[in-house]
Amino acid sequence: MCLGIPGRVIAIHDVDGVRMGKVDFDGIVKEVCLSYLPDIQVGDYTIVHVGFAITQLDEQSAKETLALFHELGILEEEFRQDDEEATA
């Protein structure tokens, strides 16, 4: 991911001592490092950049940004690039 994308935390778990979680980006679920946000909880929204949750934000702001990204086709493009890089 190149942009900071908002998503909702749907699960939190530990991987070898690192706080990780599953984040839902309007239907696209990705594994994300939550180490920078030790207080974030399931149901909270965060902005994710290159696989790291970097800030928490409110639900309204997250939904407005996701809607705009959908309108512009940015969300699908970002995740397509992310998937292509993972398989290369």
C-alpha atoms as a PDB file:
ATOM      1  CA  MET A   1       0.000   0.000   0.000  1.00  0.00           C
ATOM      2  CA  CYS A   2       1.282   3.417  -0.906  1.00  0.00           C
ATOM      3  CA  LEU A   3      -1.544   5.532   0.495  1.00  0.00           C
ATOM      4  CA  GLY A   4      -2.705   5.729   4.075  1.00  0.00           C
ATOM      5  CA  ILE A   5      -5.936   3.709   3.867  1.00  0.00           C
ATOM      6  CA  PRO A   6      -8.611   3.787   6.604  1.00  0.00           C
ATOM      7  CA  GLY A   7      -9.964   0.492   7.895  1.00  0.00           C
ATOM      8  CA  ARG A   8     -11.776  -1.059  10.847  1.00  0.00           C
ATOM      9  CA  VAL A   9      -9.954  -3.425  13.204  1.00  0.00           C
ATOM     10  CA  ILE A  10     -11.886  -6.718  13.277  1.00  0.00           C
ATOM     11  CA  ALA A  11      -9.440  -8.912  15.230  1.00  0.00           C
ATOM     12  CA  ILE A  12      -6.316  -8.498  17.333  1.00  0.00           C
ATOM     13  CA  HIS A  13      -3.730 -11.185  18.060  1.00  0.00           C
ATOM     14  CA  ASP A  14      -0.081 -11.665  18.895  1.00  0.00           C
ATOM     15  CA  VAL A  15       2.497 -13.049  16.455  1.00  0.00           C
ATOM     16  CA  ASP A  16       5.862 -13.805  18.075  1.00  0.00           C
ATOM     17  CA  GLY A  17       5.436 -10.932  20.529  1.00  0.00           C
ATOM     18  CA  VAL A  18       4.201  -8.437  17.912  1.00  0.00           C
ATOM     19  CA  ARG A  19       0.693  -7.013  18.212  1.00  0.00           C
ATOM     20  CA  MET A  20      -1.076  -7.745  14.923  1.00  0.00           C
ATOM     21  CA  GLY A  21      -4.628  -7.539  13.692  1.00  0.00           C
ATOM     22  CA  LYS A  22      -7.002  -8.072  10.836  1.00  0.00           C
ATOM     23  CA  VAL A  23      -8.268  -4.819   9.375  1.00  0.00           C
ATOM     24  CA  ASP A  24     -11.301  -4.547   7.093  1.00  0.00           C
ATOM     25  CA  PHE A  25     -10.923  -1.994   4.312  1.00  0.00           C
ATOM     26  CA  ASP A  26     -14.559  -1.925   3.174  1.00  0.00           C
ATOM     27  CA  GLY A  27     -14.629  -5.630   2.358  1.00  0.00           C
ATOM     28  CA  ILE A  28     -10.932  -6.251   1.796  1.00  0.00           C
ATOM     29  CA  VAL A  29      -9.301  -7.777   4.892  1.00  0.00           C
ATOM     30  CA  LYS A  30      -5.552  -7.536   5.449  1.00  0.00           C
ATOM     31  CA  GLU A  31      -3.133  -8.485   8.225  1.00  0.00           C
ATOM     32  CA  VAL A  32      -1.693  -5.317   9.799  1.00  0.00           C
ATOM     33  CA  CYS A  33       0.898  -4.524  12.450  1.00  0.00           C
ATOM     34  CA  LEU A  34      -0.729  -2.684  15.377  1.00  0.00           C
ATOM     35  CA  SER A  35       2.437  -2.094  17.412  1.00  0.00           C
ATOM     36  CA  TYR A  36       2.356   1.690  16.952  1.00  0.00           C
ATOM     37  CA  LEU A  37      -1.171   1.874  18.423  1.00  0.00           C
ATOM     38  CA  PRO A  38      -1.134  -0.111  21.687  1.00  0.00           C
ATOM     39  CA  ASP A  39      -4.554   1.237  22.780  1.00  0.00           C
ATOM     40  CA  ILE A  40      -6.488   0.451  19.593  1.00  0.00           C
ATOM     41  CA  GLN A  41      -9.311  -2.053  20.049  1.00  0.00           C
ATOM     42  CA  VAL A  42     -11.542  -4.232  17.885  1.00  0.00           C
ATOM     43  CA  GLY A  43     -14.113  -1.956  16.224  1.00  0.00           C
ATOM     44  CA  ASP A  44     -11.811   1.077  16.120  1.00  0.00           C
ATOM     45  CA  TYR A  45     -10.751   2.674  12.843  1.00  0.00           C
ATOM     46  CA  THR A  46      -7.152   3.236  11.855  1.00  0.00           C
ATOM     47  CA  ILE A  47      -5.133   4.524   8.937  1.00  0.00           C
ATOM     48  CA  VAL A  48      -2.759   1.900   7.565  1.00  0.00           C
ATOM     49  CA  HIS A  49       0.371   2.649   5.576  1.00  0.00           C
ATOM     50  CA  VAL A  50       2.640  -0.098   4.204  1.00  0.00           C
ATOM     51  CA  GLY A  51       1.123  -2.665   6.564  1.00  0.00           C
ATOM     52  CA  PHE A  52       1.366  -0.595   9.752  1.00  0.00           C
ATOM     53  CA  ALA A  53      -1.521   1.044  11.611  1.00  0.00           C
ATOM     54  CA  ILE A  54      -0.183   4.575  12.085  1.00  0.00           C
ATOM     55  CA  THR A  55      -3.062   6.521  13.631  1.00  0.00           C
ATOM     56  CA  GLN A  56      -6.556   6.040  14.974  1.00  0.00           C
ATOM     57  CA  LEU A  57      -9.471   7.991  13.521  1.00  0.00           C
ATOM     58  CA  ASP A  58     -13.194   8.329  13.990  1.00  0.00           C
ATOM     59  CA  GLU A  59     -15.718   6.204  12.087  1.00  0.00           C
ATOM     60  CA  GLN A  60     -17.251   9.095  10.126  1.00  0.00           C
ATOM     61  CA  SER A  61     -13.893  10.269   8.770  1.00  0.00           C
ATOM     62  CA  ALA A  62     -12.933   6.700   7.843  1.00  0.00           C
ATOM     63  CA  LYS A  63     -16.201   6.074   5.983  1.00  0.00           C
ATOM     64  CA  GLU A  64     -16.045   9.402   4.132  1.00  0.00           C
ATOM     65  CA  THR A  65     -12.483   8.680   3.011  1.00  0.00           C
ATOM     66  CA  LEU A  66     -13.326   5.125   1.923  1.00  0.00           C
ATOM     67  CA  ALA A  67     -16.311   6.396  -0.087  1.00  0.00           C
ATOM     68  CA  LEU A  68     -14.102   8.955  -1.830  1.00  0.00           C
ATOM     69  CA  PHE A  69     -11.433   6.329  -2.550  1.00  0.00           C
ATOM     70  CA  HIS A  70     -14.123   4.086  -4.083  1.00  0.00           C
ATOM     71  CA  GLU A  71     -15.420   6.921  -6.269  1.00  0.00           C
ATOM     72  CA  LEU A  72     -11.928   7.585  -7.552  1.00  0.00           C
ATOM     73  CA  GLY A  73     -11.066   3.882  -7.952  1.00  0.00           C
ATOM     74  CA  ILE A  74      -8.118   4.332  -5.628  1.00  0.00           C
ATOM     75  CA  LEU A  75      -8.955   1.604  -3.112  1.00  0.00           C
ATOM     76  CA  GLU A  76      -9.157  -1.181  -5.679  1.00  0.00           C
ATOM     77  CA  GLU A  77      -6.008   0.070  -7.430  1.00  0.00           C
ATOM     78  CA  GLU A  78      -4.006   0.204  -4.183  1.00  0.00           C
ATOM     79  CA  PHE A  79      -4.937  -3.328  -3.162  1.00  0.00           C
ATOM     80  CA  ARG A  80      -4.386  -4.694  -6.655  1.00  0.00           C
ATOM     81  CA  GLN A  81      -0.844  -3.246  -6.573  1.00  0.00           C
ATOM     82  CA  ASP A  82      -0.335  -4.649  -3.079  1.00  0.00           C
ATOM     83  CA  ASP A  83      -1.425  -8.140  -4.219  1.00  0.00           C
ATOM     84  CA  GLU A  84       0.739  -7.972  -7.359  1.00  0.00           C
ATOM     85  CA  GLU A  85       3.817  -7.034  -5.317  1.00  0.00           C
ATOM     86  CA  ALA A  86       3.148  -9.916  -2.909  1.00  0.00           C
ATOM     87  CA  THR A  87       3.040 -12.455  -5.746  1.00  0.00           C
ATOM     88  CA  ALA A  88       6.066 -11.088  -7.650  1.00  0.00           C
END
